[in-house]
Amino acid sequence: MVAFLLIGGIGFFMLVLTWILGELFDLGHGLAGFFGEHVGDVSVEGHHLELGHHVEGGGMPSPSPLSSRVIFAFMTAFGGGGAAASVYGLSTLPSVAVGLGSGLAMGGLVYAMTLAVFRQQATSGFEVASLVGKPGRVVVAIPAGGTGQVSVAAGGGSSTLLASARDGAAVPEGSAVRVVQVQGDRLVIERETGAPERG
């Protein structure tokens, strides 16, 4: 049971980090990048499996089932389900089976939610990648080496997204900034020199 709790604890901790910092990695897209275009498309005994999703509309690639959030959600539920099965007196193999079932269910749920959010953003009138070069303003202070929130005009309105400073320096609330890069669902910004701050 200790092993299940350890796996579940690590998975939960890392899952929380992905919601704070954004996606940490995506193995599906990594496989696609390694093997070439359309990789992550694997045929097994005539069945087609798509590990890394294609880029929709020339914008950001959609999330894959092997994204960090899905993997850490699987680990969390696997550990929790396996530990619960052990408490109820099941032996190791049945506990592993319960953990696998729990992990697949939770991972599938998180993947479905992530995909739904991505599709909503894709139809909201702008692509996150199109924010590069746009000005914005810090609405939640960015600590040194950390993540805050920036409001950027987009799609006829404004969008508030997670952001970090390119140089790793702290950026106070109200600072005028410019988006220089997009990393997953997180913006990388730099301060506008000479721009006034708002309290």
N, C-alpha and C. Protein backbone atom coordinates (compact mmCIF):
# COMPACT_ATOMS: atom_id res chain seq x y z
N MET A 1 0.82 -1.20 0.00
CA MET A 1 0.00 0.00 0.00
C MET A 1 0.86 1.27 0.00
N VAL A 2 2.03 1.19 0.62
CA VAL A 2 2.91 2.35 0.66
C VAL A 2 3.30 2.80 -0.74
N ALA A 3 3.56 1.83 -1.61
CA ALA A 3 3.94 2.16 -3.00
C ALA A 3 2.80 2.89 -3.70
N PHE A 4 1.57 2.43 -3.50
CA PHE A 4 0.41 3.10 -4.10
C PHE A 4 0.29 4.54 -3.60
N LEU A 5 0.44 4.72 -2.28
CA LEU A 5 0.33 6.05 -1.71
C LEU A 5 1.43 6.97 -2.23
N LEU A 6 2.63 6.43 -2.40
CA LEU A 6 3.74 7.23 -2.91
C LEU A 6 3.47 7.67 -4.34
N ILE A 7 3.02 6.74 -5.18
CA ILE A 7 2.71 7.08 -6.58
C ILE A 7 1.59 8.10 -6.64
N GLY A 8 0.55 7.87 -5.85
CA GLY A 8 -0.58 8.80 -5.84
C GLY A 8 -0.19 10.18 -5.34
N GLY A 9 0.66 10.22 -4.30
CA GLY A 9 1.08 11.50 -3.74
C GLY A 9 1.91 12.30 -4.73
N ILE A 10 2.85 11.63 -5.39
CA ILE A 10 3.68 12.32 -6.39
C ILE A 10 2.81 12.81 -7.54
N GLY A 11 1.89 11.95 -8.00
CA GLY A 11 1.01 12.33 -9.09
C GLY A 11 0.16 13.53 -8.74
N PHE A 12 -0.39 13.56 -7.51
CA PHE A 12 -1.24 14.67 -7.09
C PHE A 12 -0.45 15.98 -7.01
N PHE A 13 0.76 15.91 -6.43
CA PHE A 13 1.60 17.10 -6.31
C PHE A 13 1.92 17.67 -7.69
N MET A 14 2.32 16.80 -8.62
CA MET A 14 2.67 17.27 -9.96
C MET A 14 1.44 17.76 -10.72
N LEU A 15 0.28 17.14 -10.47
CA LEU A 15 -0.95 17.57 -11.12
C LEU A 15 -1.30 19.00 -10.71
N VAL A 16 -1.16 19.29 -9.41
CA VAL A 16 -1.41 20.65 -8.92
C VAL A 16 -0.46 21.63 -9.60
N LEU A 17 0.80 21.24 -9.77
CA LEU A 17 1.77 22.12 -10.43
C LEU A 17 1.36 22.46 -11.86
N THR A 18 0.80 21.47 -12.58
CA THR A 18 0.41 21.73 -13.97
C THR A 18 -0.72 22.75 -14.05
N TRP A 19 -1.58 22.81 -13.04
CA TRP A 19 -2.66 23.79 -13.06
C TRP A 19 -2.16 25.17 -12.65
N ILE A 20 -1.02 25.21 -11.96
CA ILE A 20 -0.44 26.50 -11.57
C ILE A 20 0.49 27.03 -12.65
N LEU A 21 1.35 26.15 -13.17
CA LEU A 21 2.39 26.56 -14.12
C LEU A 21 2.04 26.30 -15.57
N GLY A 22 0.97 25.52 -15.82
CA GLY A 22 0.66 25.11 -17.18
C GLY A 22 1.27 23.74 -17.47
N GLU A 23 1.01 23.23 -18.66
CA GLU A 23 1.54 21.92 -19.05
C GLU A 23 3.05 21.89 -18.92
N LEU A 24 3.58 20.82 -18.31
CA LEU A 24 5.02 20.68 -18.14
C LEU A 24 5.66 19.99 -19.33
N PHE A 25 4.93 19.08 -19.96
CA PHE A 25 5.42 18.36 -21.14
C PHE A 25 4.24 17.68 -21.80
N ASP A 26 4.46 17.19 -23.01
CA ASP A 26 3.45 16.41 -23.71
C ASP A 26 4.17 15.33 -24.50
N LEU A 27 4.13 14.11 -23.99
CA LEU A 27 4.86 13.02 -24.63
C LEU A 27 4.31 12.71 -26.02
N GLY A 28 3.02 12.94 -26.22
CA GLY A 28 2.44 12.70 -27.54
C GLY A 28 3.06 13.59 -28.58
N HIS A 29 3.19 14.89 -28.27
CA HIS A 29 3.81 15.82 -29.21
C HIS A 29 5.31 15.56 -29.31
N GLY A 30 5.92 15.11 -28.19
CA GLY A 30 7.34 14.78 -28.23
C GLY A 30 7.62 13.63 -29.18
N LEU A 31 6.78 12.60 -29.14
CA LEU A 31 6.93 11.48 -30.06
C LEU A 31 6.74 11.93 -31.49
N ALA A 32 5.75 12.82 -31.69
CA ALA A 32 5.50 13.31 -33.03
C ALA A 32 6.70 14.07 -33.56
N GLY A 33 7.29 14.91 -32.69
CA GLY A 33 8.46 15.67 -33.12
C GLY A 33 9.66 14.79 -33.40
N PHE A 34 9.77 13.68 -32.66
CA PHE A 34 10.93 12.80 -32.83
C PHE A 34 10.83 11.99 -34.11
N PHE A 35 9.67 11.44 -34.38
CA PHE A 35 9.53 10.55 -35.53
C PHE A 35 9.15 11.28 -36.82
N GLY A 36 8.74 12.56 -36.70
CA GLY A 36 8.39 13.29 -37.91
C GLY A 36 6.92 13.66 -37.93
N GLU A 37 6.50 14.31 -38.98
CA GLU A 37 5.13 14.77 -39.08
C GLU A 37 4.16 13.60 -39.09
N HIS A 38 3.03 13.80 -38.38
CA HIS A 38 1.98 12.79 -38.23
C HIS A 38 2.42 11.61 -37.38
N VAL A 39 3.53 11.74 -36.67
CA VAL A 39 3.96 10.67 -35.78
C VAL A 39 3.20 10.85 -34.52
N GLY A 40 3.19 9.81 -33.80
CA GLY A 40 2.20 9.71 -32.79
C GLY A 40 1.02 9.02 -33.43
N ASP A 41 0.98 8.90 -34.78
CA ASP A 41 -0.04 8.09 -35.44
C ASP A 41 0.56 6.70 -35.62
N VAL A 42 0.10 5.75 -34.82
CA VAL A 42 0.70 4.42 -34.79
C VAL A 42 -0.36 3.39 -35.14
N SER A 43 -0.02 2.43 -35.96
CA SER A 43 -0.94 1.34 -36.29
C SER A 43 -0.51 0.08 -35.55
N VAL A 44 -1.43 -0.49 -34.80
CA VAL A 44 -1.17 -1.73 -34.07
C VAL A 44 -2.22 -2.74 -34.47
N GLU A 45 -1.80 -3.78 -35.18
CA GLU A 45 -2.70 -4.83 -35.65
C GLU A 45 -3.91 -4.25 -36.38
N GLY A 46 -3.62 -3.26 -37.21
CA GLY A 46 -4.66 -2.67 -38.03
C GLY A 46 -5.46 -1.58 -37.36
N HIS A 47 -5.22 -1.35 -36.07
CA HIS A 47 -5.94 -0.29 -35.35
C HIS A 47 -5.10 0.97 -35.33
N HIS A 48 -5.75 2.10 -35.56
CA HIS A 48 -5.05 3.39 -35.64
C HIS A 48 -5.08 4.07 -34.28
N LEU A 49 -3.90 4.40 -33.76
CA LEU A 49 -3.80 5.11 -32.49
C LEU A 49 -3.11 6.44 -32.73
N GLU A 50 -3.72 7.53 -32.28
CA GLU A 50 -3.13 8.85 -32.46
C GLU A 50 -2.64 9.34 -31.11
N LEU A 51 -1.31 9.33 -30.91
CA LEU A 51 -0.73 9.73 -29.64
C LEU A 51 -0.56 11.23 -29.55
N GLY A 52 -0.20 11.86 -30.65
CA GLY A 52 0.00 13.30 -30.66
C GLY A 52 -0.95 13.94 -31.65
N HIS A 53 -1.75 14.86 -31.21
CA HIS A 53 -2.74 15.46 -32.10
C HIS A 53 -2.08 16.42 -33.07
N HIS A 54 -2.70 16.53 -34.23
CA HIS A 54 -2.17 17.44 -35.26
C HIS A 54 -2.45 18.88 -34.84
N VAL A 55 -1.84 19.79 -35.58
CA VAL A 55 -2.08 21.21 -35.33
C VAL A 55 -3.33 21.63 -36.05
N GLU A 56 -4.28 22.16 -35.32
CA GLU A 56 -5.55 22.54 -35.91
C GLU A 56 -5.49 23.97 -36.42
N GLY A 57 -5.81 24.12 -37.70
CA GLY A 57 -5.90 25.46 -38.27
C GLY A 57 -4.59 26.20 -38.29
N GLY A 58 -3.46 25.48 -38.21
CA GLY A 58 -2.17 26.14 -38.26
C GLY A 58 -1.81 26.84 -36.98
N GLY A 59 -2.58 26.61 -35.88
CA GLY A 59 -2.30 27.28 -34.63
C GLY A 59 -1.59 26.37 -33.66
N MET A 60 -1.99 26.46 -32.37
CA MET A 60 -1.37 25.65 -31.35
C MET A 60 -1.82 24.20 -31.50
N PRO A 61 -0.92 23.23 -31.24
CA PRO A 61 -1.32 21.83 -31.31
C PRO A 61 -2.29 21.51 -30.18
N SER A 62 -3.29 20.70 -30.49
CA SER A 62 -4.25 20.33 -29.46
C SER A 62 -3.59 19.36 -28.49
N PRO A 63 -4.11 19.25 -27.26
CA PRO A 63 -3.49 18.37 -26.26
C PRO A 63 -3.61 16.91 -26.66
N SER A 64 -2.67 16.11 -26.22
CA SER A 64 -2.70 14.68 -26.52
C SER A 64 -3.02 13.90 -25.25
N PRO A 65 -3.37 12.60 -25.38
CA PRO A 65 -3.64 11.77 -24.20
C PRO A 65 -2.41 11.54 -23.34
N LEU A 66 -1.23 11.93 -23.84
CA LEU A 66 0.00 11.74 -23.08
C LEU A 66 0.55 13.06 -22.56
N SER A 67 -0.33 14.03 -22.36
CA SER A 67 0.11 15.30 -21.78
C SER A 67 0.41 15.10 -20.29
N SER A 68 1.14 16.05 -19.71
CA SER A 68 1.54 15.91 -18.31
C SER A 68 0.33 15.85 -17.38
N ARG A 69 -0.71 16.64 -17.66
CA ARG A 69 -1.89 16.62 -16.79
C ARG A 69 -2.55 15.25 -16.79
N VAL A 70 -2.68 14.66 -17.97
CA VAL A 70 -3.33 13.35 -18.06
C VAL A 70 -2.50 12.29 -17.33
N ILE A 71 -1.19 12.32 -17.54
CA ILE A 71 -0.32 11.33 -16.90
C ILE A 71 -0.35 11.46 -15.38
N PHE A 72 -0.28 12.68 -14.87
CA PHE A 72 -0.29 12.88 -13.41
C PHE A 72 -1.66 12.58 -12.82
N ALA A 73 -2.73 12.82 -13.57
CA ALA A 73 -4.07 12.44 -13.10
C ALA A 73 -4.18 10.93 -13.02
N PHE A 74 -3.62 10.24 -14.01
CA PHE A 74 -3.60 8.78 -13.99
C PHE A 74 -2.84 8.27 -12.77
N MET A 75 -1.66 8.86 -12.51
CA MET A 75 -0.86 8.43 -11.35
C MET A 75 -1.62 8.64 -10.04
N THR A 76 -2.30 9.79 -9.92
CA THR A 76 -3.04 10.11 -8.71
C THR A 76 -4.14 9.08 -8.45
N ALA A 77 -4.94 8.81 -9.49
CA ALA A 77 -6.04 7.86 -9.34
C ALA A 77 -5.53 6.43 -9.20
N PHE A 78 -4.45 6.10 -9.90
CA PHE A 78 -3.88 4.76 -9.77
C PHE A 78 -3.44 4.50 -8.33
N GLY A 79 -2.71 5.47 -7.76
CA GLY A 79 -2.25 5.31 -6.39
C GLY A 79 -3.40 5.27 -5.40
N GLY A 80 -4.37 6.17 -5.59
CA GLY A 80 -5.51 6.20 -4.68
C GLY A 80 -6.36 4.95 -4.77
N GLY A 81 -6.65 4.51 -6.00
CA GLY A 81 -7.45 3.31 -6.18
C GLY A 81 -6.75 2.06 -5.66
N GLY A 82 -5.45 1.96 -5.94
CA GLY A 82 -4.70 0.80 -5.47
C GLY A 82 -4.61 0.76 -3.95
N ALA A 83 -4.40 1.92 -3.33
CA ALA A 83 -4.32 1.99 -1.87
C ALA A 83 -5.66 1.63 -1.24
N ALA A 84 -6.75 2.13 -1.82
CA ALA A 84 -8.08 1.81 -1.29
C ALA A 84 -8.37 0.32 -1.41
N ALA A 85 -7.99 -0.28 -2.52
CA ALA A 85 -8.20 -1.72 -2.70
C ALA A 85 -7.39 -2.52 -1.67
N SER A 86 -6.19 -2.07 -1.39
CA SER A 86 -5.35 -2.74 -0.39
C SER A 86 -5.98 -2.66 1.00
N VAL A 87 -6.54 -1.49 1.32
CA VAL A 87 -7.20 -1.32 2.62
C VAL A 87 -8.35 -2.31 2.79
N TYR A 88 -9.05 -2.59 1.69
CA TYR A 88 -10.18 -3.51 1.74
C TYR A 88 -9.75 -4.97 1.63
N GLY A 89 -8.44 -5.20 1.72
CA GLY A 89 -7.95 -6.57 1.82
C GLY A 89 -7.63 -7.28 0.52
N LEU A 90 -7.66 -6.58 -0.61
CA LEU A 90 -7.31 -7.21 -1.87
C LEU A 90 -5.80 -7.42 -1.95
N SER A 91 -5.39 -8.47 -2.63
CA SER A 91 -3.96 -8.75 -2.79
C SER A 91 -3.37 -7.80 -3.83
N THR A 92 -2.08 -7.97 -4.10
CA THR A 92 -1.37 -7.01 -4.95
C THR A 92 -1.94 -6.91 -6.36
N LEU A 93 -2.11 -8.04 -7.05
CA LEU A 93 -2.56 -8.00 -8.44
C LEU A 93 -3.97 -7.40 -8.57
N PRO A 94 -4.95 -7.82 -7.77
CA PRO A 94 -6.26 -7.16 -7.86
C PRO A 94 -6.19 -5.66 -7.53
N SER A 95 -5.32 -5.29 -6.59
CA SER A 95 -5.17 -3.87 -6.24
C SER A 95 -4.60 -3.09 -7.42
N VAL A 96 -3.63 -3.68 -8.11
CA VAL A 96 -3.07 -3.04 -9.31
C VAL A 96 -4.15 -2.88 -10.37
N ALA A 97 -5.00 -3.91 -10.52
CA ALA A 97 -6.08 -3.84 -11.52
C ALA A 97 -7.05 -2.71 -11.18
N VAL A 98 -7.41 -2.58 -9.90
CA VAL A 98 -8.29 -1.50 -9.48
C VAL A 98 -7.62 -0.15 -9.73
N GLY A 99 -6.31 -0.07 -9.41
CA GLY A 99 -5.58 1.16 -9.66
C GLY A 99 -5.55 1.54 -11.13
N LEU A 100 -5.33 0.55 -11.99
CA LEU A 100 -5.30 0.81 -13.43
C LEU A 100 -6.66 1.31 -13.92
N GLY A 101 -7.73 0.67 -13.45
CA GLY A 101 -9.06 1.11 -13.85
C GLY A 101 -9.34 2.52 -13.39
N SER A 102 -8.97 2.82 -12.16
CA SER A 102 -9.18 4.17 -11.62
C SER A 102 -8.35 5.19 -12.39
N GLY A 103 -7.10 4.83 -12.68
CA GLY A 103 -6.21 5.73 -13.40
C GLY A 103 -6.70 6.03 -14.80
N LEU A 104 -7.16 4.99 -15.50
CA LEU A 104 -7.65 5.20 -16.86
C LEU A 104 -8.91 6.07 -16.86
N ALA A 105 -9.78 5.84 -15.88
CA ALA A 105 -11.00 6.64 -15.80
C ALA A 105 -10.67 8.11 -15.52
N MET A 106 -9.80 8.35 -14.54
CA MET A 106 -9.45 9.73 -14.20
C MET A 106 -8.66 10.40 -15.31
N GLY A 107 -7.71 9.67 -15.90
CA GLY A 107 -6.93 10.22 -17.01
C GLY A 107 -7.82 10.58 -18.18
N GLY A 108 -8.80 9.70 -18.49
CA GLY A 108 -9.72 9.98 -19.58
C GLY A 108 -10.58 11.19 -19.31
N LEU A 109 -11.00 11.35 -18.03
CA LEU A 109 -11.82 12.51 -17.66
C LEU A 109 -11.04 13.81 -17.81
N VAL A 110 -9.79 13.82 -17.31
CA VAL A 110 -8.96 15.02 -17.41
C VAL A 110 -8.65 15.35 -18.87
N TYR A 111 -8.39 14.31 -19.68
CA TYR A 111 -8.12 14.54 -21.10
C TYR A 111 -9.33 15.15 -21.79
N ALA A 112 -10.53 14.64 -21.47
CA ALA A 112 -11.75 15.16 -22.07
C ALA A 112 -11.96 16.62 -21.68
N MET A 113 -11.70 16.95 -20.40
CA MET A 113 -11.85 18.33 -19.94
C MET A 113 -10.85 19.25 -20.62
N THR A 114 -9.59 18.79 -20.72
CA THR A 114 -8.55 19.60 -21.35
C THR A 114 -8.86 19.85 -22.81
N LEU A 115 -9.34 18.81 -23.49
CA LEU A 115 -9.68 18.94 -24.90
C LEU A 115 -10.86 19.89 -25.10
N ALA A 116 -11.84 19.82 -24.18
CA ALA A 116 -12.99 20.72 -24.27
C ALA A 116 -12.57 22.17 -24.10
N VAL A 117 -11.68 22.43 -23.15
CA VAL A 117 -11.19 23.80 -22.93
C VAL A 117 -10.43 24.28 -24.15
N PHE A 118 -9.59 23.40 -24.73
CA PHE A 118 -8.82 23.77 -25.91
C PHE A 118 -9.74 24.15 -27.07
N ARG A 119 -10.79 23.34 -27.28
CA ARG A 119 -11.70 23.61 -28.39
C ARG A 119 -12.48 24.90 -28.17
N GLN A 120 -12.81 25.17 -26.92
CA GLN A 120 -13.50 26.42 -26.62
C GLN A 120 -12.61 27.62 -26.92
N GLN A 121 -11.32 27.50 -26.54
CA GLN A 121 -10.38 28.57 -26.83
C GLN A 121 -10.17 28.73 -28.32
N ALA A 122 -10.16 27.60 -29.05
CA ALA A 122 -9.90 27.64 -30.49
C ALA A 122 -11.03 28.33 -31.24
N THR A 123 -12.25 28.32 -30.65
CA THR A 123 -13.38 28.95 -31.32
C THR A 123 -13.76 30.29 -30.69
N SER A 124 -12.92 30.80 -29.79
CA SER A 124 -13.25 32.02 -29.08
C SER A 124 -12.84 33.28 -29.85
N GLY A 125 -12.35 33.13 -31.07
CA GLY A 125 -12.05 34.29 -31.90
C GLY A 125 -10.56 34.61 -31.98
N PHE A 126 -9.71 33.89 -31.26
CA PHE A 126 -8.28 34.14 -31.37
C PHE A 126 -7.50 32.90 -30.99
N GLU A 127 -6.27 32.82 -31.50
CA GLU A 127 -5.35 31.76 -31.14
C GLU A 127 -4.38 32.32 -30.11
N VAL A 128 -4.07 31.52 -29.10
CA VAL A 128 -3.14 31.98 -28.06
C VAL A 128 -1.81 32.39 -28.69
N ALA A 129 -1.38 31.65 -29.72
CA ALA A 129 -0.11 31.95 -30.37
C ALA A 129 -0.11 33.35 -31.00
N SER A 130 -1.31 33.86 -31.34
CA SER A 130 -1.39 35.17 -31.99
C SER A 130 -1.15 36.31 -31.00
N LEU A 131 -1.04 35.99 -29.71
CA LEU A 131 -0.82 37.04 -28.70
C LEU A 131 0.64 37.50 -28.66
N VAL A 132 1.54 36.75 -29.29
CA VAL A 132 2.95 37.15 -29.29
C VAL A 132 3.09 38.53 -29.93
N GLY A 133 3.78 39.42 -29.22
CA GLY A 133 3.98 40.78 -29.69
C GLY A 133 2.95 41.76 -29.19
N LYS A 134 1.88 41.27 -28.57
CA LYS A 134 0.81 42.16 -28.10
C LYS A 134 1.13 42.72 -26.71
N PRO A 135 0.70 43.94 -26.44
CA PRO A 135 0.91 44.51 -25.11
C PRO A 135 -0.12 43.97 -24.12
N GLY A 136 0.23 44.03 -22.86
CA GLY A 136 -0.69 43.58 -21.82
C GLY A 136 -0.36 44.26 -20.51
N ARG A 137 -1.10 43.89 -19.48
CA ARG A 137 -0.85 44.48 -18.16
C ARG A 137 -0.97 43.38 -17.11
N VAL A 138 -0.04 43.41 -16.15
CA VAL A 138 -0.02 42.40 -15.10
C VAL A 138 -1.18 42.65 -14.13
N VAL A 139 -2.03 41.64 -13.95
CA VAL A 139 -3.16 41.78 -13.03
C VAL A 139 -2.93 40.99 -11.74
N VAL A 140 -2.05 40.00 -11.79
CA VAL A 140 -1.59 39.30 -10.59
C VAL A 140 -0.07 39.31 -10.63
N ALA A 141 0.56 39.93 -9.63
CA ALA A 141 2.01 40.13 -9.64
C ALA A 141 2.75 38.83 -9.94
N ILE A 142 3.82 38.94 -10.73
CA ILE A 142 4.65 37.80 -11.09
C ILE A 142 5.87 37.78 -10.17
N PRO A 143 6.00 36.76 -9.31
CA PRO A 143 7.17 36.70 -8.42
C PRO A 143 8.42 36.31 -9.20
N ALA A 144 9.59 36.57 -8.64
CA ALA A 144 10.84 36.19 -9.30
C ALA A 144 10.87 34.69 -9.55
N GLY A 145 11.05 34.32 -10.81
CA GLY A 145 11.11 32.92 -11.17
C GLY A 145 9.78 32.21 -11.11
N GLY A 146 8.69 32.96 -10.89
CA GLY A 146 7.38 32.35 -10.72
C GLY A 146 6.39 32.73 -11.80
N THR A 147 5.12 32.51 -11.49
CA THR A 147 4.04 32.73 -12.45
C THR A 147 2.97 33.63 -11.87
N GLY A 148 2.49 34.58 -12.67
CA GLY A 148 1.38 35.44 -12.29
C GLY A 148 0.35 35.42 -13.39
N GLN A 149 -0.40 36.51 -13.53
CA GLN A 149 -1.41 36.60 -14.57
C GLN A 149 -1.32 37.94 -15.29
N VAL A 150 -1.55 37.88 -16.60
CA VAL A 150 -1.48 39.06 -17.45
C VAL A 150 -2.76 39.16 -18.26
N SER A 151 -3.29 40.36 -18.38
CA SER A 151 -4.46 40.61 -19.21
C SER A 151 -3.99 41.18 -20.55
N VAL A 152 -4.44 40.54 -21.65
CA VAL A 152 -4.04 40.94 -23.00
C VAL A 152 -5.29 41.13 -23.85
N ALA A 153 -5.33 42.19 -24.64
CA ALA A 153 -6.45 42.41 -25.54
C ALA A 153 -6.42 41.38 -26.65
N ALA A 154 -7.56 40.68 -26.86
CA ALA A 154 -7.61 39.65 -27.89
C ALA A 154 -9.05 39.34 -28.23
N GLY A 155 -9.29 39.04 -29.51
CA GLY A 155 -10.60 38.61 -29.95
C GLY A 155 -11.71 39.60 -29.67
N GLY A 156 -11.43 40.89 -29.74
CA GLY A 156 -12.43 41.90 -29.49
C GLY A 156 -12.70 42.17 -28.02
N GLY A 157 -11.95 41.51 -27.15
CA GLY A 157 -12.09 41.73 -25.72
C GLY A 157 -10.74 41.60 -25.07
N SER A 158 -10.71 41.12 -23.85
CA SER A 158 -9.44 40.89 -23.17
C SER A 158 -9.42 39.49 -22.60
N SER A 159 -8.24 38.92 -22.51
CA SER A 159 -8.06 37.58 -21.98
C SER A 159 -6.99 37.60 -20.90
N THR A 160 -7.26 36.95 -19.79
CA THR A 160 -6.31 36.87 -18.69
C THR A 160 -5.70 35.48 -18.65
N LEU A 161 -4.38 35.43 -18.77
CA LEU A 161 -3.68 34.15 -18.87
C LEU A 161 -2.51 34.11 -17.89
N LEU A 162 -2.07 32.87 -17.56
CA LEU A 162 -0.87 32.70 -16.76
C LEU A 162 0.33 33.26 -17.50
N ALA A 163 1.28 33.82 -16.78
CA ALA A 163 2.44 34.42 -17.45
C ALA A 163 3.64 34.40 -16.52
N SER A 164 4.82 34.34 -17.13
CA SER A 164 6.08 34.44 -16.40
C SER A 164 7.00 35.38 -17.15
N ALA A 165 7.97 35.96 -16.44
CA ALA A 165 8.89 36.91 -17.06
C ALA A 165 10.02 36.17 -17.77
N ARG A 166 10.41 36.67 -18.94
CA ARG A 166 11.46 36.02 -19.71
C ARG A 166 12.79 36.02 -18.96
N ASP A 167 13.07 37.12 -18.23
CA ASP A 167 14.34 37.19 -17.51
C ASP A 167 14.25 36.64 -16.09
N GLY A 168 13.07 36.13 -15.72
CA GLY A 168 12.91 35.55 -14.40
C GLY A 168 12.76 36.54 -13.28
N ALA A 169 12.73 37.82 -13.60
CA ALA A 169 12.62 38.86 -12.56
C ALA A 169 11.17 39.02 -12.12
N ALA A 170 11.00 39.59 -10.93
CA ALA A 170 9.66 39.88 -10.43
C ALA A 170 9.04 41.03 -11.21
N VAL A 171 7.74 40.95 -11.47
CA VAL A 171 7.03 42.01 -12.18
C VAL A 171 5.81 42.38 -11.34
N PRO A 172 5.75 43.61 -10.83
CA PRO A 172 4.64 43.98 -9.95
C PRO A 172 3.31 44.13 -10.69
N GLU A 173 2.23 44.03 -9.93
CA GLU A 173 0.90 44.22 -10.49
C GLU A 173 0.77 45.62 -11.08
N GLY A 174 0.12 45.72 -12.23
CA GLY A 174 -0.08 47.00 -12.90
C GLY A 174 0.99 47.33 -13.92
N SER A 175 2.05 46.52 -14.00
CA SER A 175 3.13 46.80 -14.95
C SER A 175 2.68 46.56 -16.39
N ALA A 176 3.11 47.43 -17.28
CA ALA A 176 2.87 47.25 -18.71
C ALA A 176 3.90 46.27 -19.25
N VAL A 177 3.44 45.27 -19.99
CA VAL A 177 4.33 44.23 -20.50
C VAL A 177 4.00 43.94 -21.96
N ARG A 178 4.84 43.13 -22.57
CA ARG A 178 4.60 42.68 -23.94
C ARG A 178 4.86 41.18 -24.01
N VAL A 179 3.99 40.47 -24.71
CA VAL A 179 4.13 39.02 -24.86
C VAL A 179 5.23 38.72 -25.87
N VAL A 180 6.20 37.91 -25.47
CA VAL A 180 7.30 37.58 -26.37
C VAL A 180 7.30 36.11 -26.78
N GLN A 181 6.53 35.28 -26.06
CA GLN A 181 6.54 33.86 -26.37
C GLN A 181 5.33 33.20 -25.73
N VAL A 182 4.89 32.09 -26.32
CA VAL A 182 3.81 31.28 -25.73
C VAL A 182 4.37 29.88 -25.48
N GLN A 183 4.22 29.41 -24.25
CA GLN A 183 4.68 28.07 -23.88
C GLN A 183 3.47 27.30 -23.35
N GLY A 184 2.87 26.50 -24.23
CA GLY A 184 1.67 25.77 -23.84
C GLY A 184 0.53 26.74 -23.60
N ASP A 185 -0.01 26.76 -22.36
CA ASP A 185 -1.08 27.70 -22.04
C ASP A 185 -0.55 28.83 -21.16
N ARG A 186 0.76 29.06 -21.20
CA ARG A 186 1.39 30.11 -20.39
C ARG A 186 2.13 31.09 -21.30
N LEU A 187 1.99 32.40 -21.00
CA LEU A 187 2.67 33.43 -21.76
C LEU A 187 4.03 33.74 -21.13
N VAL A 188 4.98 34.10 -21.97
CA VAL A 188 6.27 34.61 -21.50
C VAL A 188 6.30 36.08 -21.88
N ILE A 189 6.53 36.95 -20.90
CA ILE A 189 6.44 38.39 -21.15
C ILE A 189 7.74 39.11 -20.77
N GLU A 190 7.84 40.35 -21.22
CA GLU A 190 8.91 41.23 -20.78
C GLU A 190 8.30 42.60 -20.51
N ARG A 191 8.87 43.31 -19.58
CA ARG A 191 8.33 44.62 -19.21
C ARG A 191 8.57 45.64 -20.31
N GLU A 192 7.61 46.54 -20.47
CA GLU A 192 7.75 47.65 -21.41
C GLU A 192 8.58 48.73 -20.73
N THR A 193 9.70 49.06 -21.31
CA THR A 193 10.57 50.08 -20.70
C THR A 193 9.93 51.46 -20.80
N GLY A 194 9.97 52.18 -19.68
CA GLY A 194 9.46 53.54 -19.65
C GLY A 194 7.96 53.65 -19.51
N ALA A 195 7.26 52.50 -19.44
CA ALA A 195 5.79 52.56 -19.32
C ALA A 195 5.41 52.75 -17.86
N PRO A 196 4.40 53.56 -17.58
CA PRO A 196 3.98 53.80 -16.17
C PRO A 196 3.26 52.57 -15.61
N GLU A 197 3.34 52.41 -14.29
CA GLU A 197 2.63 51.34 -13.62
C GLU A 197 1.31 51.85 -13.10
N ARG A 198 0.33 50.95 -13.03
CA ARG A 198 -0.96 51.28 -12.47
C ARG A 198 -1.13 50.54 -11.15
N GLY A 199 -1.65 51.23 -10.16
CA GLY A 199 -1.85 50.62 -8.87
C GLY A 199 -3.06 49.73 -8.82
